[in-house]
Amino acid sequence: SCMLPYMEAMSTPLAKVGSMSEAPKRLCFV
C-alpha cells in the first residue's frame, strides 16, 4: 500500500487556484 500519506489525494479535481474571498473553515480531530 502507498507509503506516502500526503499522496492520499481524494478524487475531487483541483479547482482554479486563487485568493479566498472569505475565511477558510478548518476541521481537526484529535
All heavy atoms as atom14 arrays in JSON, in Angstrom:
{
  "sequence": "SCMLPYMEAMSTPLAKVGSMSEAPKRLCFV",
  "atom14_mask": [
    [1, 1, 1, 1, 1, 1, 0, 0, 0, 0, 0, 0, 0, 0],
    [1, 1, 1, 1, 1, 1, 0, 0, 0, 0, 0, 0, 0, 0],
    [1, 1, 1, 1, 1, 1, 1, 1, 0, 0, 0, 0, 0, 0],
    [1, 1, 1, 1, 1, 1, 1, 1, 0, 0, 0, 0, 0, 0],
    [1, 1, 1, 1, 1, 1, 1, 0, 0, 0, 0, 0, 0, 0],
    [1, 1, 1, 1, 1, 1, 1, 1, 1, 1, 1, 1, 0, 0],
    [1, 1, 1, 1, 1, 1, 1, 1, 0, 0, 0, 0, 0, 0],
    [1, 1, 1, 1, 1, 1, 1, 1, 1, 0, 0, 0, 0, 0],
    [1, 1, 1, 1, 1, 0, 0, 0, 0, 0, 0, 0, 0, 0],
    [1, 1, 1, 1, 1, 1, 1, 1, 0, 0, 0, 0, 0, 0],
    [1, 1, 1, 1, 1, 1, 0, 0, 0, 0, 0, 0, 0, 0],
    [1, 1, 1, 1, 1, 1, 1, 0, 0, 0, 0, 0, 0, 0],
    [1, 1, 1, 1, 1, 1, 1, 0, 0, 0, 0, 0, 0, 0],
    [1, 1, 1, 1, 1, 1, 1, 1, 0, 0, 0, 0, 0, 0],
    [1, 1, 1, 1, 1, 0, 0, 0, 0, 0, 0, 0, 0, 0],
    [1, 1, 1, 1, 1, 1, 1, 1, 1, 0, 0, 0, 0, 0],
    [1, 1, 1, 1, 1, 1, 1, 0, 0, 0, 0, 0, 0, 0],
    [1, 1, 1, 1, 0, 0, 0, 0, 0, 0, 0, 0, 0, 0],
    [1, 1, 1, 1, 1, 1, 0, 0, 0, 0, 0, 0, 0, 0],
    [1, 1, 1, 1, 1, 1, 1, 1, 0, 0, 0, 0, 0, 0],
    [1, 1, 1, 1, 1, 1, 0, 0, 0, 0, 0, 0, 0, 0],
    [1, 1, 1, 1, 1, 1, 1, 1, 1, 0, 0, 0, 0, 0],
    [1, 1, 1, 1, 1, 0, 0, 0, 0, 0, 0, 0, 0, 0],
    [1, 1, 1, 1, 1, 1, 1, 0, 0, 0, 0, 0, 0, 0],
    [1, 1, 1, 1, 1, 1, 1, 1, 1, 0, 0, 0, 0, 0],
    [1, 1, 1, 1, 1, 1, 1, 1, 1, 1, 1, 0, 0, 0],
    [1, 1, 1, 1, 1, 1, 1, 1, 0, 0, 0, 0, 0, 0],
    [1, 1, 1, 1, 1, 1, 0, 0, 0, 0, 0, 0, 0, 0],
    [1, 1, 1, 1, 1, 1, 1, 1, 1, 1, 1, 0, 0, 0],
    [1, 1, 1, 1, 1, 1, 1, 0, 0, 0, 0, 0, 0, 0]
  ],
  "atom14_positions": [
    [[0.83, -1.19, 0.0], [0.0, 0.0, 0.0], [0.87, 1.24, 0.0], [2.03, 1.2, 0.39], [-0.92, 0.01, 1.22], [-0.17, -0.01, 2.4], [0.0, 0.0, 0.0], [0.0, 0.0, 0.0], [0.0, 0.0, 0.0], [0.0, 0.0, 0.0], [0.0, 0.0, 0.0], [0.0, 0.0, 0.0], [0.0, 0.0, 0.0], [0.0, 0.0, 0.0]],
    [[0.3, 2.36, -0.45], [1.03, 3.6, -0.58], [1.65, 4.03, 0.75], [0.97, 4.11, 1.76], [0.1, 4.7, -1.09], [0.91, 6.28, -1.28], [0.0, 0.0, 0.0], [0.0, 0.0, 0.0], [0.0, 0.0, 0.0], [0.0, 0.0, 0.0], [0.0, 0.0, 0.0], [0.0, 0.0, 0.0], [0.0, 0.0, 0.0], [0.0, 0.0, 0.0]],
    [[2.93, 4.31, 0.75], [3.64, 4.65, 1.98], [3.71, 6.15, 2.22], [4.28, 6.6, 3.21], [5.05, 4.07, 1.93], [5.08, 2.56, 1.91], [6.75, 1.88, 1.79], [7.42, 2.41, 3.37], [0.0, 0.0, 0.0], [0.0, 0.0, 0.0], [0.0, 0.0, 0.0], [0.0, 0.0, 0.0], [0.0, 0.0, 0.0], [0.0, 0.0, 0.0]],
    [[3.16, 6.94, 1.31], [3.23, 8.39, 1.47], [1.84, 8.94, 1.73], [1.07, 9.18, 0.82], [3.8, 9.04, 0.2], [5.22, 8.62, -0.17], [5.63, 9.3, -1.45], [6.17, 8.97, 0.95], [0.0, 0.0, 0.0], [0.0, 0.0, 0.0], [0.0, 0.0, 0.0], [0.0, 0.0, 0.0], [0.0, 0.0, 0.0], [0.0, 0.0, 0.0]],
    [[1.47, 9.14, 3.0], [0.13, 9.63, 3.31], [-0.24, 10.91, 2.59], [-1.38, 11.11, 2.24], [0.19, 9.84, 4.83], [1.21, 8.87, 5.29], [2.24, 8.83, 4.19], [0.0, 0.0, 0.0], [0.0, 0.0, 0.0], [0.0, 0.0, 0.0], [0.0, 0.0, 0.0], [0.0, 0.0, 0.0], [0.0, 0.0, 0.0], [0.0, 0.0, 0.0]],
    [[0.74, 11.79, 2.33], [0.38, 13.05, 1.69], [-0.02, 12.83, 0.24], [-0.57, 13.71, -0.4], [1.52, 14.05, 1.79], [2.61, 13.93, 0.75], [2.66, 14.8, -0.31], [3.58, 12.93, 0.85], [3.67, 14.72, -1.26], [4.58, 12.84, -0.08], [4.63, 13.73, -1.12], [5.62, 13.64, -2.05], [0.0, 0.0, 0.0], [0.0, 0.0, 0.0]],
    [[0.18, 11.62, -0.28], [-0.26, 11.31, -1.63], [-1.69, 10.77, -1.67], [-2.21, 10.49, -2.72], [0.67, 10.25, -2.24], [2.11, 10.71, -2.42], [2.22, 11.98, -3.66], [4.0, 12.05, -3.84], [0.0, 0.0, 0.0], [0.0, 0.0, 0.0], [0.0, 0.0, 0.0], [0.0, 0.0, 0.0], [0.0, 0.0, 0.0], [0.0, 0.0, 0.0]],
    [[-2.29, 10.59, -0.5], [-3.64, 10.03, -0.46], [-4.65, 11.1, -0.85], [-5.49, 11.52, -0.06], [-3.93, 9.49, 0.95], [-3.06, 8.32, 1.35], [-3.48, 7.04, 0.66], [-4.56, 7.02, 0.05], [-2.73, 6.07, 0.72], [0.0, 0.0, 0.0], [0.0, 0.0, 0.0], [0.0, 0.0, 0.0], [0.0, 0.0, 0.0], [0.0, 0.0, 0.0]],
    [[-4.57, 11.56, -2.11], [-5.47, 12.61, -2.57], [-6.86, 12.06, -2.84], [-7.03, 10.91, -3.21], [-4.9, 13.23, -3.84], [0.0, 0.0, 0.0], [0.0, 0.0, 0.0], [0.0, 0.0, 0.0], [0.0, 0.0, 0.0], [0.0, 0.0, 0.0], [0.0, 0.0, 0.0], [0.0, 0.0, 0.0], [0.0, 0.0, 0.0], [0.0, 0.0, 0.0]],
    [[-7.87, 12.89, -2.62], [-9.24, 12.5, -2.9], [-9.51, 12.71, -4.39], [-8.72, 13.33, -5.11], [-10.22, 13.33, -2.07], [-9.93, 13.3, -0.57], [-9.82, 11.62, 0.11], [-11.47, 11.04, -0.26], [0.0, 0.0, 0.0], [0.0, 0.0, 0.0], [0.0, 0.0, 0.0], [0.0, 0.0, 0.0], [0.0, 0.0, 0.0], [0.0, 0.0, 0.0]],
    [[-10.66, 12.24, -4.84], [-10.94, 12.27, -6.27], [-11.42, 13.63, -6.76], [-11.52, 13.86, -7.95], [-12.01, 11.22, -6.61], [-13.19, 11.48, -5.85], [0.0, 0.0, 0.0], [0.0, 0.0, 0.0], [0.0, 0.0, 0.0], [0.0, 0.0, 0.0], [0.0, 0.0, 0.0], [0.0, 0.0, 0.0], [0.0, 0.0, 0.0], [0.0, 0.0, 0.0]],
    [[-11.73, 14.55, -5.83], [-12.2, 15.86, -6.24], [-11.11, 16.6, -7.02], [-10.01, 16.74, -6.54], [-12.58, 16.71, -5.01], [-13.55, 16.0, -4.26], [-13.15, 18.05, -5.44], [0.0, 0.0, 0.0], [0.0, 0.0, 0.0], [0.0, 0.0, 0.0], [0.0, 0.0, 0.0], [0.0, 0.0, 0.0], [0.0, 0.0, 0.0], [0.0, 0.0, 0.0]],
    [[-11.4, 17.06, -8.24], [-10.38, 17.76, -9.02], [-10.01, 19.08, -8.38], [-10.81, 19.71, -7.71], [-11.08, 17.98, -10.38], [-12.53, 17.98, -10.06], [-12.69, 16.99, -8.95], [0.0, 0.0, 0.0], [0.0, 0.0, 0.0], [0.0, 0.0, 0.0], [0.0, 0.0, 0.0], [0.0, 0.0, 0.0], [0.0, 0.0, 0.0], [0.0, 0.0, 0.0]],
    [[-8.79, 19.51, -8.6], [-8.31, 20.76, -8.04], [-8.9, 21.93, -8.81], [-8.77, 22.04, -10.01], [-6.79, 20.81, -8.12], [-6.11, 22.02, -7.5], [-6.33, 22.03, -6.0], [-4.62, 22.0, -7.82], [0.0, 0.0, 0.0], [0.0, 0.0, 0.0], [0.0, 0.0, 0.0], [0.0, 0.0, 0.0], [0.0, 0.0, 0.0], [0.0, 0.0, 0.0]],
    [[-9.58, 22.81, -8.09], [-10.18, 23.97, -8.72], [-9.11, 25.0, -9.03], [-7.97, 24.89, -8.6], [-11.23, 24.58, -7.79], [0.0, 0.0, 0.0], [0.0, 0.0, 0.0], [0.0, 0.0, 0.0], [0.0, 0.0, 0.0], [0.0, 0.0, 0.0], [0.0, 0.0, 0.0], [0.0, 0.0, 0.0], [0.0, 0.0, 0.0], [0.0, 0.0, 0.0]],
    [[-9.47, 26.01, -9.77], [-8.51, 27.06, -10.1], [-7.97, 27.68, -8.83], [-8.71, 28.08, -7.95], [-9.2, 28.13, -10.96], [-8.24, 29.24, -11.38], [-8.97, 30.25, -12.25], [-8.02, 31.37, -12.65], [-8.69, 32.37, -13.5], [0.0, 0.0, 0.0], [0.0, 0.0, 0.0], [0.0, 0.0, 0.0], [0.0, 0.0, 0.0], [0.0, 0.0, 0.0]],
    [[-6.65, 27.75, -8.73], [-6.01, 28.31, -7.55], [-6.18, 29.82, -7.56], [-5.89, 30.49, -8.53], [-4.52, 27.94, -7.52], [-3.86, 28.59, -6.31], [-4.35, 26.43, -7.48], [0.0, 0.0, 0.0], [0.0, 0.0, 0.0], [0.0, 0.0, 0.0], [0.0, 0.0, 0.0], [0.0, 0.0, 0.0], [0.0, 0.0, 0.0], [0.0, 0.0, 0.0]],
    [[-6.63, 30.38, -6.46], [-6.82, 31.82, -6.38], [-7.04, 32.25, -4.96], [-7.07, 31.44, -4.04], [0.0, 0.0, 0.0], [0.0, 0.0, 0.0], [0.0, 0.0, 0.0], [0.0, 0.0, 0.0], [0.0, 0.0, 0.0], [0.0, 0.0, 0.0], [0.0, 0.0, 0.0], [0.0, 0.0, 0.0], [0.0, 0.0, 0.0], [0.0, 0.0, 0.0]],
    [[-7.2, 33.52, -4.75], [-7.39, 34.04, -3.41], [-8.79, 33.74, -2.91], [-9.75, 33.68, -3.67], [-7.16, 35.55, -3.39], [-8.08, 36.2, -4.25], [0.0, 0.0, 0.0], [0.0, 0.0, 0.0], [0.0, 0.0, 0.0], [0.0, 0.0, 0.0], [0.0, 0.0, 0.0], [0.0, 0.0, 0.0], [0.0, 0.0, 0.0], [0.0, 0.0, 0.0]],
    [[-8.92, 33.54, -1.6], [-10.21, 33.26, -1.0], [-10.88, 34.57, -0.61], [-10.26, 35.47, -0.06], [-10.02, 32.38, 0.25], [-9.57, 30.97, -0.06], [-10.85, 30.06, -0.93], [-12.09, 29.97, 0.36], [0.0, 0.0, 0.0], [0.0, 0.0, 0.0], [0.0, 0.0, 0.0], [0.0, 0.0, 0.0], [0.0, 0.0, 0.0], [0.0, 0.0, 0.0]],
    [[-12.15, 34.7, -0.9], [-12.88, 35.92, -0.56], [-13.42, 35.86, 0.86], [-13.9, 36.85, 1.38], [-14.04, 36.13, -1.55], [-14.94, 35.01, -1.49], [0.0, 0.0, 0.0], [0.0, 0.0, 0.0], [0.0, 0.0, 0.0], [0.0, 0.0, 0.0], [0.0, 0.0, 0.0], [0.0, 0.0, 0.0], [0.0, 0.0, 0.0], [0.0, 0.0, 0.0]],
    [[-13.36, 34.7, 1.48], [-13.84, 34.56, 2.85], [-12.9, 33.67, 3.64], [-12.05, 32.99, 3.09], [-15.25, 33.96, 2.87], [-15.35, 32.6, 2.21], [-16.78, 32.07, 2.2], [-17.72, 32.89, 2.17], [-16.94, 30.84, 2.23], [0.0, 0.0, 0.0], [0.0, 0.0, 0.0], [0.0, 0.0, 0.0], [0.0, 0.0, 0.0], [0.0, 0.0, 0.0]],
    [[-13.04, 33.72, 4.96], [-12.14, 32.97, 5.84], [-12.27, 31.48, 5.6], [-13.36, 30.97, 5.39], [-12.46, 33.3, 7.29], [0.0, 0.0, 0.0], [0.0, 0.0, 0.0], [0.0, 0.0, 0.0], [0.0, 0.0, 0.0], [0.0, 0.0, 0.0], [0.0, 0.0, 0.0], [0.0, 0.0, 0.0], [0.0, 0.0, 0.0], [0.0, 0.0, 0.0]],
    [[-11.15, 30.76, 5.65], [-11.2, 29.3, 5.48], [-11.86, 28.65, 6.68], [-11.8, 29.15, 7.8], [-9.72, 28.92, 5.39], [-9.01, 29.98, 6.15], [-9.77, 31.24, 5.87], [0.0, 0.0, 0.0], [0.0, 0.0, 0.0], [0.0, 0.0, 0.0], [0.0, 0.0, 0.0], [0.0, 0.0, 0.0], [0.0, 0.0, 0.0], [0.0, 0.0, 0.0]],
    [[-12.5, 27.52, 6.45], [-13.08, 26.73, 7.53], [-12.29, 25.44, 7.64], [-12.16, 24.71, 6.66], [-14.56, 26.44, 7.26], [-15.44, 27.68, 7.25], [-16.89, 27.35, 6.95], [-17.75, 28.6, 6.98], [-19.18, 28.3, 6.68], [0.0, 0.0, 0.0], [0.0, 0.0, 0.0], [0.0, 0.0, 0.0], [0.0, 0.0, 0.0], [0.0, 0.0, 0.0]],
    [[-11.77, 25.18, 8.83], [-10.88, 24.03, 9.03], [-11.51, 23.03, 9.99], [-12.28, 23.39, 10.89], [-9.53, 24.51, 9.56], [-8.75, 25.39, 8.59], [-7.47, 25.9, 9.23], [-7.77, 26.88, 10.26], [-7.71, 28.2, 10.09], [-7.38, 28.7, 8.9], [-7.98, 29.02, 11.08], [0.0, 0.0, 0.0], [0.0, 0.0, 0.0], [0.0, 0.0, 0.0]],
    [[-11.09, 21.75, 9.82], [-11.64, 20.67, 10.63], [-10.51, 19.79, 11.14], [-9.67, 19.33, 10.37], [-12.6, 19.83, 9.77], [-13.42, 18.75, 10.46], [-14.35, 19.33, 11.5], [-14.24, 17.98, 9.41], [0.0, 0.0, 0.0], [0.0, 0.0, 0.0], [0.0, 0.0, 0.0], [0.0, 0.0, 0.0], [0.0, 0.0, 0.0], [0.0, 0.0, 0.0]],
    [[-10.47, 19.56, 12.47], [-9.42, 18.75, 13.08], [-10.03, 17.71, 14.03], [-11.04, 17.98, 14.7], [-8.45, 19.61, 13.88], [-7.41, 20.69, 12.92], [0.0, 0.0, 0.0], [0.0, 0.0, 0.0], [0.0, 0.0, 0.0], [0.0, 0.0, 0.0], [0.0, 0.0, 0.0], [0.0, 0.0, 0.0], [0.0, 0.0, 0.0], [0.0, 0.0, 0.0]],
    [[-9.38, 16.56, 14.1], [-9.78, 15.52, 15.04], [-8.54, 15.03, 15.79], [-7.52, 14.73, 15.18], [-10.42, 14.34, 14.3], [-11.71, 14.71, 13.59], [-11.7, 15.11, 12.26], [-12.93, 14.65, 14.27], [-12.88, 15.44, 11.62], [-14.11, 14.99, 13.63], [-14.09, 15.39, 12.31], [0.0, 0.0, 0.0], [0.0, 0.0, 0.0], [0.0, 0.0, 0.0]],
    [[-8.65, 14.96, 17.12], [-7.54, 14.52, 17.97], [-8.04, 13.38, 18.85], [-9.04, 13.51, 19.55], [-7.03, 15.68, 18.85], [-5.89, 15.2, 19.74], [-6.59, 16.86, 17.99], [0.0, 0.0, 0.0], [0.0, 0.0, 0.0], [0.0, 0.0, 0.0], [0.0, 0.0, 0.0], [0.0, 0.0, 0.0], [0.0, 0.0, 0.0], [0.0, 0.0, 0.0]]
  ]
}
